[in-house]
PDB file of N, CA and C in Angstrom:
ATOM      1  N   UNK A   1      -8.321   3.147 -13.954  1.00  0.00           N
ATOM      2  CA  UNK A   1      -7.356   2.811 -13.033  1.00  0.00           C
ATOM      3  C   UNK A   1      -6.995   3.800 -12.260  1.00  0.00           C
ATOM      4  N   UNK A   2      -7.855   4.277 -10.831  1.00  0.00           N
ATOM      5  CA  UNK A   2      -7.740   5.352 -10.262  1.00  0.00           C
ATOM      6  C   UNK A   2      -6.133   4.769  -9.731  1.00  0.00           C
ATOM      7  N   UNK A   3      -5.585   6.029  -9.700  1.00  0.00           N
ATOM      8  CA  UNK A   3      -4.502   6.020  -8.200  1.00  0.00           C
ATOM      9  C   UNK A   3      -4.441   6.383  -6.966  1.00  0.00           C
ATOM     10  N   UNK A   4      -3.770   5.767  -6.262  1.00  0.00           N
ATOM     11  CA  UNK A   4      -4.292   6.702  -4.918  1.00  0.00           C
ATOM     12  C   UNK A   4      -3.006   6.406  -4.013  1.00  0.00           C
ATOM     13  N   UNK A   5      -2.315   7.492  -3.121  1.00  0.00           N
ATOM     14  CA  UNK A   5      -1.546   7.682  -2.475  1.00  0.00           C
ATOM     15  C   UNK A   5      -2.142   7.695  -0.741  1.00  0.00           C
ATOM     16  N   UNK A   6      -1.584   6.749  -0.171  1.00  0.00           N
ATOM     17  CA  UNK A   6      -2.126   6.947   1.456  1.00  0.00           C
ATOM     18  C   UNK A   6      -0.493   7.013   2.320  1.00  0.00           C
ATOM     19  N   UNK A   7      -0.964   8.043   3.389  1.00  0.00           N
ATOM     20  CA  UNK A   7       0.462   8.082   4.423  1.00  0.00           C
ATOM     21  C   UNK A   7      -0.145   7.765   5.675  1.00  0.00           C
ATOM     22  N   UNK A   8       0.295   7.542   6.543  1.00  0.00           N
ATOM     23  CA  UNK A   8       0.218   7.047   7.781  1.00  0.00           C
ATOM     24  C   UNK A   8       1.194   7.088   8.742  1.00  0.00           C
ATOM     25  N   UNK A   9       0.983   6.750  10.048  1.00  0.00           N
ATOM     26  CA  UNK A   9       1.839   6.511  10.958  1.00  0.00           C
ATOM     27  C   UNK A   9       1.606   5.075  11.346  1.00  0.00           C
ATOM     28  N   UNK A  10       2.879   4.318  11.777  1.00  0.00           N
ATOM     29  CA  UNK A  10       2.911   3.389  13.002  1.00  0.00           C
ATOM     30  C   UNK A  10       2.298   3.496  13.844  1.00  0.00           C
ATOM     31  N   UNK A  11       1.545   2.276  15.173  1.00  0.00           N
ATOM     32  CA  UNK A  11       1.293   3.282  16.252  1.00  0.00           C
ATOM     33  C   UNK A  11       2.579   2.585  16.821  1.00  0.00           C
ATOM     34  N   UNK A  12       2.680   3.127  18.540  1.00  0.00           N
ATOM     35  CA  UNK A  12       4.138   2.793  18.990  1.00  0.00           C
ATOM     36  C   UNK A  12       4.015   1.017  19.058  1.00  0.00           C
ATOM     37  N   UNK A  13       2.897   0.461  19.530  1.00  0.00           N
ATOM     38  CA  UNK A  13       2.994  -0.899  19.420  1.00  0.00           C
ATOM     39  C   UNK A  13       3.529  -1.720  18.532  1.00  0.00           C
ATOM     40  N   UNK A  14       3.465  -1.238  16.630  1.00  0.00           N
ATOM     41  CA  UNK A  14       3.839  -1.459  16.201  1.00  0.00           C
ATOM     42  C   UNK A  14       5.081  -0.895  15.713  1.00  0.00           C
ATOM     43  N   UNK A  15       5.616  -0.514  15.937  1.00  0.00           N
ATOM     44  CA  UNK A  15       7.285  -0.077  15.833  1.00  0.00           C
ATOM     45  C   UNK A  15       7.824  -1.019  16.866  1.00  0.00           C
ATOM     46  N   UNK A  16       7.504  -1.038  17.905  1.00  0.00           N
ATOM     47  CA  UNK A  16       7.948  -1.471  19.075  1.00  0.00           C
ATOM     48  C   UNK A  16       8.461  -3.083  18.221  1.00  0.00           C
ATOM     49  N   UNK A  17       7.281  -3.692  18.102  1.00  0.00           N
ATOM     50  CA  UNK A  17       7.593  -4.904  17.226  1.00  0.00           C
ATOM     51  C   UNK A  17       8.254  -5.250  15.839  1.00  0.00           C
ATOM     52  N   UNK A  18       8.351  -4.036  15.042  1.00  0.00           N
ATOM     53  CA  UNK A  18       8.975  -4.053  14.208  1.00  0.00           C
ATOM     54  C   UNK A  18      10.734  -3.694  14.358  1.00  0.00           C
ATOM     55  N   UNK A  19      10.596  -3.252  14.983  1.00  0.00           N
ATOM     56  CA  UNK A  19      11.930  -3.230  15.939  1.00  0.00           C
ATOM     57  C   UNK A  19      12.514  -4.553  16.253  1.00  0.00           C
ATOM     58  N   UNK A  20      11.946  -4.701  17.325  1.00  0.00           N
ATOM     59  CA  UNK A  20      12.019  -6.508  18.014  1.00  0.00           C
ATOM     60  C   UNK A  20      12.383  -7.522  16.648  1.00  0.00           C
ATOM     61  N   UNK A  21      11.360  -7.454  15.902  1.00  0.00           N
ATOM     62  CA  UNK A  21      11.500  -8.349  14.690  1.00  0.00           C
ATOM     63  C   UNK A  21      11.787  -7.948  13.052  1.00  0.00           C
ATOM     64  N   UNK A  22      12.897  -7.318  12.802  1.00  0.00           N
ATOM     65  CA  UNK A  22      12.682  -6.501  11.323  1.00  0.00           C
ATOM     66  C   UNK A  22      12.026  -7.597  10.376  1.00  0.00           C
ATOM     67  N   UNK A  23      11.354  -6.577   9.656  1.00  0.00           N
ATOM     68  CA  UNK A  23      10.620  -7.432   8.467  1.00  0.00           C
ATOM     69  C   UNK A  23      10.507  -6.000   7.124  1.00  0.00           C
ATOM     70  N   UNK A  24      10.293  -6.796   6.477  1.00  0.00           N
ATOM     71  CA  UNK A  24      10.216  -6.051   4.689  1.00  0.00           C
ATOM     72  C   UNK A  24       8.443  -6.329   4.931  1.00  0.00           C
ATOM     73  N   UNK A  25       7.635  -5.443   5.252  1.00  0.00           N
ATOM     74  CA  UNK A  25       6.168  -4.955   5.069  1.00  0.00           C
ATOM     75  C   UNK A  25       5.807  -5.307   3.501  1.00  0.00           C
ATOM     76  N   UNK A  26       6.733  -5.228   2.471  1.00  0.00           N
ATOM     77  CA  UNK A  26       5.748  -5.309   1.139  1.00  0.00           C
ATOM     78  C   UNK A  26       4.940  -6.211   0.680  1.00  0.00           C
ATOM     79  N   UNK A  27       5.611  -6.994   1.252  1.00  0.00           N
ATOM     80  CA  UNK A  27       5.039  -8.964   0.770  1.00  0.00           C
ATOM     81  C   UNK A  27       3.431  -8.331   1.498  1.00  0.00           C
ATOM     82  N   UNK A  28       3.320  -8.419   2.629  1.00  0.00           N
ATOM     83  CA  UNK A  28       2.074  -7.781   3.744  1.00  0.00           C
ATOM     84  C   UNK A  28       1.055  -7.454   2.899  1.00  0.00           C
ATOM     85  N   UNK A  29       1.537  -6.173   2.536  1.00  0.00           N
ATOM     86  CA  UNK A  29       0.796  -5.390   1.900  1.00  0.00           C
ATOM     87  C   UNK A  29       0.333  -5.546   0.401  1.00  0.00           C
ATOM     88  N   UNK A  30       1.397  -6.212  -0.077  1.00  0.00           N
ATOM     89  CA  UNK A  30       1.034  -6.246  -1.854  1.00  0.00           C
ATOM     90  C   UNK A  30      -0.501  -7.140  -1.940  1.00  0.00           C
ATOM     91  N   UNK A  31       0.253  -8.919  -0.590  1.00  0.00           N
ATOM     92  CA  UNK A  31      -0.911  -9.571  -0.261  1.00  0.00           C
ATOM     93  C   UNK A  31      -2.301  -8.988   0.041  1.00  0.00           C
ATOM     94  N   UNK A  32      -2.481  -8.086   0.664  1.00  0.00           N
ATOM     95  CA  UNK A  32      -3.864  -7.125   1.229  1.00  0.00           C
ATOM     96  C   UNK A  32      -4.528  -6.533   0.029  1.00  0.00           C
ATOM     97  N   UNK A  33      -3.393  -6.208  -0.548  1.00  0.00           N
ATOM     98  CA  UNK A  33      -4.215  -4.817  -2.005  1.00  0.00           C
ATOM     99  C   UNK A  33      -4.380  -6.083  -2.945  1.00  0.00           C
ATOM    100  N   UNK A  34      -4.199  -7.458  -3.434  1.00  0.00           N
ATOM    101  CA  UNK A  34      -4.337  -8.207  -4.211  1.00  0.00           C
ATOM    102  C   UNK A  34      -6.262  -8.801  -3.590  1.00  0.00           C
ATOM    103  N   UNK A  35      -5.633  -9.039  -2.280  1.00  0.00           N
ATOM    104  CA  UNK A  35      -6.718  -9.733  -1.865  1.00  0.00           C
ATOM    105  C   UNK A  35      -8.392  -8.897  -1.714  1.00  0.00           C
ATOM    106  N   UNK A  36      -8.167  -7.211  -2.281  1.00  0.00           N
ATOM    107  CA  UNK A  36      -9.119  -7.101  -2.538  1.00  0.00           C
ATOM    108  C   UNK A  36      -9.467  -6.117  -3.724  1.00  0.00           C
ATOM    109  N   UNK A  37      -8.991  -6.908  -4.604  1.00  0.00           N
ATOM    110  CA  UNK A  37      -8.855  -6.845  -6.520  1.00  0.00           C
ATOM    111  C   UNK A  37      -7.409  -5.227  -6.225  1.00  0.00           C
ATOM    112  N   UNK A  38      -6.935  -4.351  -5.396  1.00  0.00           N
ATOM    113  CA  UNK A  38      -6.222  -3.518  -5.954  1.00  0.00           C
ATOM    114  C   UNK A  38      -4.596  -3.773  -6.009  1.00  0.00           C
ATOM    115  N   UNK A  39      -3.829  -3.288  -6.492  1.00  0.00           N
ATOM    116  CA  UNK A  39      -2.369  -3.203  -6.920  1.00  0.00           C
ATOM    117  C   UNK A  39      -1.530  -2.024  -6.340  1.00  0.00           C
ATOM    118  N   UNK A  40      -0.797  -2.890  -5.854  1.00  0.00           N
ATOM    119  CA  UNK A  40       0.278  -2.296  -4.963  1.00  0.00           C
ATOM    120  C   UNK A  40       1.451  -1.663  -6.028  1.00  0.00           C
ATOM    121  N   UNK A  41       1.639  -0.262  -6.461  1.00  0.00           N
ATOM    122  CA  UNK A  41       2.693   0.463  -6.732  1.00  0.00           C
ATOM    123  C   UNK A  41       3.832   0.456  -6.539  1.00  0.00           C
ATOM    124  N   UNK A  42       3.975   0.762  -5.160  1.00  0.00           N
ATOM    125  CA  UNK A  42       4.923   1.313  -4.401  1.00  0.00           C
ATOM    126  C   UNK A  42       4.781   1.235  -3.004  1.00  0.00           C
ATOM    127  N   UNK A  43       5.431   0.947  -2.268  1.00  0.00           N
ATOM    128  CA  UNK A  43       5.250   1.436  -0.561  1.00  0.00           C
ATOM    129  C   UNK A  43       7.143   2.032  -0.166  1.00  0.00           C
ATOM    130  N   UNK A  44       6.740   2.579   0.246  1.00  0.00           N
ATOM    131  CA  UNK A  44       8.077   3.515   1.100  1.00  0.00           C
ATOM    132  C   UNK A  44       8.095   3.817   2.303  1.00  0.00           C
ATOM    133  N   UNK A  45       8.990   3.613   3.462  1.00  0.00           N
ATOM    134  CA  UNK A  45       9.096   3.972   4.613  1.00  0.00           C
ATOM    135  C   UNK A  45       9.267   5.533   4.394  1.00  0.00           C
ATOM    136  N   UNK A  46       9.125   6.422   5.073  1.00  0.00           N
ATOM    137  CA  UNK A  46       9.665   7.727   5.018  1.00  0.00           C
ATOM    138  C   UNK A  46       9.338   8.363   6.447  1.00  0.00           C
ATOM    139  N   UNK A  47      10.651   9.606   6.236  1.00  0.00           N
ATOM    140  CA  UNK A  47      10.711  10.574   7.606  1.00  0.00           C
ATOM    141  C   UNK A  47       9.737  11.671   7.262  1.00  0.00           C
ATOM    142  N   UNK A  48       9.746  12.048   8.683  1.00  0.00           N
ATOM    143  CA  UNK A  48       8.988  13.414   8.469  1.00  0.00           C
ATOM    144  C   UNK A  48       7.452  13.223   9.521  1.00  0.00           C
ATOM    145  N   UNK A  49       6.718  13.989   8.847  1.00  0.00           N
ATOM    146  CA  UNK A  49       5.157  13.707   9.546  1.00  0.00           C
ATOM    147  C   UNK A  49       4.627  12.437   9.143  1.00  0.00           C
ATOM    148  N   UNK A  50       4.550  11.873   8.512  1.00  0.00           N
ATOM    149  CA  UNK A  50       4.065  10.514   8.400  1.00  0.00           C
ATOM    150  C   UNK A  50       5.373   8.896   8.100  1.00  0.00           C
ATOM    151  N   UNK A  51       5.013   7.516   8.764  1.00  0.00           N
ATOM    152  CA  UNK A  51       6.328   6.692   8.622  1.00  0.00           C
ATOM    153  C   UNK A  51       5.978   6.026   7.341  1.00  0.00           C
ATOM    154  N   UNK A  52       4.885   6.111   6.958  1.00  0.00           N
ATOM    155  CA  UNK A  52       4.717   5.462   5.664  1.00  0.00           C
ATOM    156  C   UNK A  52       4.268   5.918   4.411  1.00  0.00           C
ATOM    157  N   UNK A  53       4.427   5.539   2.917  1.00  0.00           N
ATOM    158  CA  UNK A  53       3.592   5.984   2.205  1.00  0.00           C
ATOM    159  C   UNK A  53       3.465   5.062   0.853  1.00  0.00           C
ATOM    160  N   UNK A  54       2.144   4.888   0.428  1.00  0.00           N
ATOM    161  CA  UNK A  54       1.791   3.318  -0.426  1.00  0.00           C
ATOM    162  C   UNK A  54       1.321   4.422  -1.738  1.00  0.00           C
ATOM    163  N   UNK A  55       1.745   3.785  -2.385  1.00  0.00           N
ATOM    164  CA  UNK A  55       1.386   3.896  -3.552  1.00  0.00           C
ATOM    165  C   UNK A  55       0.729   3.396  -4.316  1.00  0.00           C
ATOM    166  N   UNK A  56      -0.910   3.170  -4.652  1.00  0.00           N
ATOM    167  CA  UNK A  56      -1.687   1.928  -5.189  1.00  0.00           C
ATOM    168  C   UNK A  56      -2.759   2.138  -6.052  1.00  0.00           C
ATOM    169  N   UNK A  57      -3.584   1.274  -6.950  1.00  0.00           N
ATOM    170  CA  UNK A  57      -4.574   1.132  -7.607  1.00  0.00           C
ATOM    171  C   UNK A  57      -5.463   0.405  -7.512  1.00  0.00           C
ATOM    172  N   UNK A  58      -6.555   1.234  -7.962  1.00  0.00           N
ATOM    173  CA  UNK A  58      -7.605   0.462  -7.843  1.00  0.00           C
ATOM    174  C   UNK A  58      -8.805   1.094  -8.838  1.00  0.00           C
ATOM    175  N   UNK A  59      -9.754   0.187  -9.505  1.00  0.00           N
ATOM    176  CA  UNK A  59     -10.409   0.400 -10.318  1.00  0.00           C
ATOM    177  C   UNK A  59     -12.386   0.344  -9.426  1.00  0.00           C
ATOM    178  N   UNK A  60     -12.488   0.256  -8.326  1.00  0.00           N
ATOM    179  CA  UNK A  60     -13.269   0.248  -7.202  1.00  0.00           C
ATOM    180  C   UNK A  60     -13.658   1.149  -6.435  1.00  0.00           C
ATOM    181  N   UNK A  61     -14.187   2.136  -6.207  1.00  0.00           N
ATOM    182  CA  UNK A  61     -14.131   2.815  -4.881  1.00  0.00           C
ATOM    183  C   UNK A  61     -14.488   1.848  -3.633  1.00  0.00           C
ATOM    184  N   UNK A  62     -15.664   0.773  -3.888  1.00  0.00           N
ATOM    185  CA  UNK A  62     -15.879  -0.116  -2.920  1.00  0.00           C
ATOM    186  C   UNK A  62     -14.342  -0.821  -2.422  1.00  0.00           C
ATOM    187  N   UNK A  63     -13.929  -1.122  -3.744  1.00  0.00           N
ATOM    188  CA  UNK A  63     -12.925  -1.687  -2.782  1.00  0.00           C
ATOM    189  C   UNK A  63     -11.911  -0.836  -2.230  1.00  0.00           C
ATOM    190  N   UNK A  64     -11.788   0.009  -2.293  1.00  0.00           N
ATOM    191  CA  UNK A  64     -10.821   1.120  -2.008  1.00  0.00           C
ATOM    192  C   UNK A  64     -11.101   1.040  -0.631  1.00  0.00           C
ATOM    193  N   UNK A  65     -12.433   1.347  -0.332  1.00  0.00           N
ATOM    194  CA  UNK A  65     -12.949   1.570   0.795  1.00  0.00           C
ATOM    195  C   UNK A  65     -12.237   0.568   1.687  1.00  0.00           C
ATOM    196  N   UNK A  66     -12.949  -0.746   1.142  1.00  0.00           N
ATOM    197  CA  UNK A  66     -12.536  -1.820   2.159  1.00  0.00           C
ATOM    198  C   UNK A  66     -11.494  -1.806   2.591  1.00  0.00           C
ATOM    199  N   UNK A  67     -10.416  -1.719   1.372  1.00  0.00           N
ATOM    200  CA  UNK A  67      -9.271  -1.683   1.850  1.00  0.00           C
ATOM    201  C   UNK A  67      -8.407  -0.787   2.724  1.00  0.00           C
ATOM    202  N   UNK A  68      -9.321   0.483   2.749  1.00  0.00           N
ATOM    203  CA  UNK A  68      -8.808   1.157   3.507  1.00  0.00           C
ATOM    204  C   UNK A  68      -9.407   1.006   5.464  1.00  0.00           C
ATOM    205  N   UNK A  69     -10.731   0.284   5.354  1.00  0.00           N
ATOM    206  CA  UNK A  69     -10.775   0.047   6.512  1.00  0.00           C
ATOM    207  C   UNK A  69     -10.139  -1.162   7.243  1.00  0.00           C
ATOM    208  N   UNK A  70      -9.787  -1.880   6.635  1.00  0.00           N
ATOM    209  CA  UNK A  70      -8.924  -3.343   6.905  1.00  0.00           C
ATOM    210  C   UNK A  70      -7.710  -2.180   7.740  1.00  0.00           C
ATOM    211  N   UNK A  71      -7.006  -1.486   7.495  1.00  0.00           N
ATOM    212  CA  UNK A  71      -5.669  -1.160   7.119  1.00  0.00           C
ATOM    213  C   UNK A  71      -5.898  -0.155   8.907  1.00  0.00           C
ATOM    214  N   UNK A  72      -7.230   0.528   8.598  1.00  0.00           N
ATOM    215  CA  UNK A  72      -7.306   1.698   9.737  1.00  0.00           C
ATOM    216  C   UNK A  72      -7.645   0.482  11.317  1.00  0.00           C
ATOM    217  N   UNK A  73      -8.680  -0.185  10.812  1.00  0.00           N
ATOM    218  CA  UNK A  73      -9.180  -1.186  11.729  1.00  0.00           C
ATOM    219  C   UNK A  73      -8.107  -2.237  12.098  1.00  0.00           C
ATOM    220  N   UNK A  74      -6.655  -2.386  11.515  1.00  0.00           N
ATOM    221  CA  UNK A  74      -5.851  -2.917  12.108  1.00  0.00           C
ATOM    222  C   UNK A  74      -5.113  -2.978  13.527  1.00  0.00           C
ATOM    223  N   UNK A  75      -4.910  -1.543  14.042  1.00  0.00           N
ATOM    224  CA  UNK A  75      -4.482  -1.561  15.417  1.00  0.00           C
ATOM    225  C   UNK A  75      -2.999  -1.113  15.147  1.00  0.00           C
ATOM    226  N   UNK A  76      -2.576  -1.423  13.978  1.00  0.00           N
ATOM    227  CA  UNK A  76      -1.199  -1.146  13.670  1.00  0.00           C
ATOM    228  C   UNK A  76      -0.955   0.337  12.902  1.00  0.00           C
ATOM    229  N   UNK A  77      -1.649   1.064  12.747  1.00  0.00           N
ATOM    230  CA  UNK A  77      -1.347   2.310  12.032  1.00  0.00           C
ATOM    231  C   UNK A  77      -2.216   2.829  12.882  1.00  0.00           C
ATOM    232  N   UNK A  78      -2.096   4.573  12.352  1.00  0.00           N
ATOM    233  CA  UNK A  78      -2.607   5.459  12.547  1.00  0.00           C
ATOM    234  C   UNK A  78      -2.646   6.857  11.687  1.00  0.00           C
ATOM    235  N   UNK A  79      -3.698   7.398  11.850  1.00  0.00           N
ATOM    236  CA  UNK A  79      -3.593   8.907  11.403  1.00  0.00           C
ATOM    237  C   UNK A  79      -3.397   8.707   9.726  1.00  0.00           C
ATOM    238  N   UNK A  80      -4.372   8.142   9.250  1.00  0.00           N
ATOM    239  CA  UNK A  80      -4.356   7.712   7.955  1.00  0.00           C
ATOM    240  C   UNK A  80      -4.578   8.716   6.767  1.00  0.00           C
ATOM    241  N   UNK A  81      -4.033   9.205   5.681  1.00  0.00           N
ATOM    242  CA  UNK A  81      -4.281  10.199   4.602  1.00  0.00           C
ATOM    243  C   UNK A  81      -4.459   9.691   3.668  1.00  0.00           C
ATOM    244  N   UNK A  82      -5.534   9.448   2.814  1.00  0.00           N
ATOM    245  CA  UNK A  82      -5.394   9.519   1.212  1.00  0.00           C
ATOM    246  C   UNK A  82      -6.028   9.884   0.782  1.00  0.00           C
ATOM    247  N   UNK A  83      -5.398  10.289  -0.320  1.00  0.00           N
ATOM    248  CA  UNK A  83      -5.602  11.227  -1.920  1.00  0.00           C
ATOM    249  C   UNK A  83      -5.344  10.343  -3.060  1.00  0.00           C
ATOM    250  N   UNK A  84      -6.494  10.722  -4.186  1.00  0.00           N
ATOM    251  CA  UNK A  84      -7.058  10.297  -5.267  1.00  0.00           C
ATOM    252  C   UNK A  84      -5.549  11.307  -6.414  1.00  0.00           C
ATOM    253  N   UNK A  85      -4.779  10.216  -7.148  1.00  0.00           N
ATOM    254  CA  UNK A  85      -3.539  10.968  -7.876  1.00  0.00           C
ATOM    255  C   UNK A  85      -4.032  11.076  -9.445  1.00  0.00           C
ATOM    256  N   UNK A  86      -4.184  11.755  -9.965  1.00  0.00           N
ATOM    257  CA  UNK A  86      -3.980  11.516 -11.648  1.00  0.00           C
ATOM    258  C   UNK A  86      -2.682  12.092 -12.364  1.00  0.00           C
ATOM    259  N   UNK A  87      -2.783  11.994 -13.865  1.00  0.00           N
ATOM    260  CA  UNK A  87      -1.420  12.009 -14.612  1.00  0.00           C
ATOM    261  C   UNK A  87      -1.586  13.654 -15.187  1.00  0.00           C
ATOM    262  N   UNK A  88      -1.055  14.225 -15.513  1.00  0.00           N
ATOM    263  CA  UNK A  88      -0.847  15.266 -16.086  1.00  0.00           C
ATOM    264  C   UNK A  88      -1.617  15.290 -17.373  1.00  0.00           C
ATOM    265  N   UNK A  89      -1.882  14.558 -18.167  1.00  0.00           N
ATOM    266  CA  UNK A  89      -2.559  14.514 -19.034  1.00  0.00           C
ATOM    267  C   UNK A  89      -4.005  13.992 -18.683  1.00  0.00           C
ATOM    268  N   UNK A  90      -4.758  13.383 -17.964  1.00  0.00           N
ATOM    269  CA  UNK A  90      -5.753  13.495 -16.926  1.00  0.00           C
ATOM    270  C   UNK A  90      -6.372  14.880 -16.621  1.00  0.00           C
ATOM    271  N   UNK A  91      -5.483  15.696 -15.747  1.00  0.00           N
ATOM    272  CA  UNK A  91      -5.163  16.794 -15.187  1.00  0.00           C
ATOM    273  C   UNK A  91      -5.951  18.263 -15.937  1.00  0.00           C
ATOM    274  N   UNK A  92      -5.307  18.057 -17.779  1.00  0.00           N
ATOM    275  CA  UNK A  92      -5.425  18.889 -18.329  1.00  0.00           C
ATOM    276  C   UNK A  92      -6.794  18.666 -19.448  1.00  0.00           C
ATOM    277  N   UNK A  93      -7.118  17.060 -19.207  1.00  0.00           N
ATOM    278  CA  UNK A  93      -8.457  17.135 -19.261  1.00  0.00           C
ATOM    279  C   UNK A  93      -9.298  17.800 -18.333  1.00  0.00           C
ATOM    280  N   UNK A  94      -8.895  17.782 -17.314  1.00  0.00           N
ATOM    281  CA  UNK A  94     -10.145  18.222 -16.623  1.00  0.00           C
ATOM    282  C   UNK A  94      -9.799  19.843 -16.791  1.00  0.00           C
ATOM    283  N   UNK A  95      -8.853  20.144 -16.947  1.00  0.00           N
ATOM    284  CA  UNK A  95      -8.915  22.082 -17.392  1.00  0.00           C
ATOM    285  C   UNK A  95      -9.930  22.355 -18.291  1.00  0.00           C
ATOM    286  N   UNK A  96      -9.986  21.658 -19.366  1.00  0.00           N
ATOM    287  CA  UNK A  96     -10.743  21.737 -20.578  1.00  0.00           C
ATOM    288  C   UNK A  96     -11.961  21.647 -20.363  1.00  0.00           C
ATOM    289  N   UNK A  97     -12.463  20.417 -19.764  1.00  0.00           N
ATOM    290  CA  UNK A  97     -13.482  20.307 -19.076  1.00  0.00           C
ATOM    291  C   UNK A  97     -14.263  21.429 -18.246  1.00  0.00           C
ATOM    292  N   UNK A  98     -13.639  22.018 -17.456  1.00  0.00           N
ATOM    293  CA  UNK A  98     -13.563  22.765 -16.745  1.00  0.00           C
ATOM    294  C   UNK A  98     -14.123  24.272 -17.348  1.00  0.00           C
ATOM    295  N   UNK A  99     -13.013  24.562 -18.118  1.00  0.00           N
ATOM    296  CA  UNK A  99     -13.186  25.648 -18.974  1.00  0.00           C
ATOM    297  C   UNK A  99     -14.247  25.742 -20.108  1.00  0.00           C
ATOM    298  N   UNK A 100     -14.878  24.787 -20.432  1.00  0.00           N
ATOM    299  CA  UNK A 100     -16.076  24.402 -21.059  1.00  0.00           C
ATOM    300  C   UNK A 100     -16.936  24.516 -20.090  1.00  0.00           C
ATOM    301  N   UNK A 101     -17.692  23.804 -19.226  1.00  0.00           N
ATOM    302  CA  UNK A 101     -18.552  24.099 -18.001  1.00  0.00           C
ATOM    303  C   UNK A 101     -18.625  25.738 -17.301  1.00  0.00           C
ATOM    304  N   UNK A 102     -17.200  26.108 -16.913  1.00  0.00           N
ATOM    305  CA  UNK A 102     -17.750  27.386 -16.705  1.00  0.00           C
ATOM    306  C   UNK A 102     -18.339  28.755 -17.113  1.00  0.00           C
ATOM    307  N   UNK A 103     -17.993  28.258 -18.742  1.00  0.00           N
ATOM    308  CA  UNK A 103     -19.074  29.786 -19.446  1.00  0.00           C
ATOM    309  C   UNK A 103     -20.560  29.293 -19.002  1.00  0.00           C
ATOM    310  N   UNK A 104     -21.337  28.607 -18.259  1.00  0.00           N
ATOM    311  CA  UNK A 104     -22.523  28.830 -18.115  1.00  0.00           C
ATOM    312  C   UNK A 104     -22.458  28.811 -16.412  1.00  0.00           C
ATOM    313  N   UNK A 105     -21.739  29.025 -15.724  1.00  0.00           N
ATOM    314  CA  UNK A 105     -21.686  29.167 -14.253  1.00  0.00           C
ATOM    315  C   UNK A 105     -22.047  30.574 -13.705  1.00  0.00           C
ATOM    316  N   UNK A 106     -22.452  30.896 -12.787  1.00  0.00           N
ATOM    317  CA  UNK A 106     -22.441  32.382 -12.705  1.00  0.00           C
ATOM    318  C   UNK A 106     -22.208  32.023 -10.555  1.00  0.00           C
ATOM    319  N   UNK A 107     -21.402  33.021 -10.270  1.00  0.00           N
ATOM    320  CA  UNK A 107     -20.289  32.733  -8.931  1.00  0.00           C
ATOM    321  C   UNK A 107     -21.403  32.936  -7.835  1.00  0.00           C
ATOM    322  N   UNK A 108     -21.343  32.747  -6.686  1.00  0.00           N
ATOM    323  CA  UNK A 108     -22.847  32.933  -5.990  1.00  0.00           C
ATOM    324  C   UNK A 108     -22.382  34.548  -5.254  1.00  0.00           C
ATOM    325  N   UNK A 109     -23.574  34.983  -5.410  1.00  0.00           N
ATOM    326  CA  UNK A 109     -23.505  36.771  -5.407  1.00  0.00           C
ATOM    327  C   UNK A 109     -23.286  37.326  -6.169  1.00  0.00           C
ATOM    328  N   UNK A 110     -22.697  37.054  -7.309  1.00  0.00           N
ATOM    329  CA  UNK A 110     -22.931  37.663  -8.996  1.00  0.00           C
ATOM    330  C   UNK A 110     -23.222  37.987  -9.498  1.00  0.00           C
ATOM    331  N   UNK A 111     -25.000  38.208  -9.111  1.00  0.00           N
ATOM    332  CA  UNK A 111     -26.060  38.816  -9.613  1.00  0.00           C
ATOM    333  C   UNK A 111     -26.197  37.507 -10.776  1.00  0.00           C
ATOM    334  N   UNK A 112     -27.244  38.446 -11.520  1.00  0.00           N
ATOM    335  CA  UNK A 112     -28.085  37.323 -12.611  1.00  0.00           C
ATOM    336  C   UNK A 112     -27.146  37.631 -14.138  1.00  0.00           C
TER     337      UNK A 112
END
């Protein structure tokens, strides 16, 4: 399964609605994730550049893109940024693969 981290901002209208009617969005986010076959790992409200951060997993690119399309078109959030995460063990495997593949690679402009 792929692990993803999504950050974003609430729109002014969404923030006003949450202040007027405080709510815990964890249930709504969990339900949305499950509806497309993804799994919520954690949902955080954050300070700084982004208002929230969601850590989730999905084993299917189509499901992941569908989820992001729903969120982006909801009108309640903006400025979404999603990155895929990997464990340190997965990163080491990538490093080993890169080390092996690098032997046959010639950089642009390096000659023949």
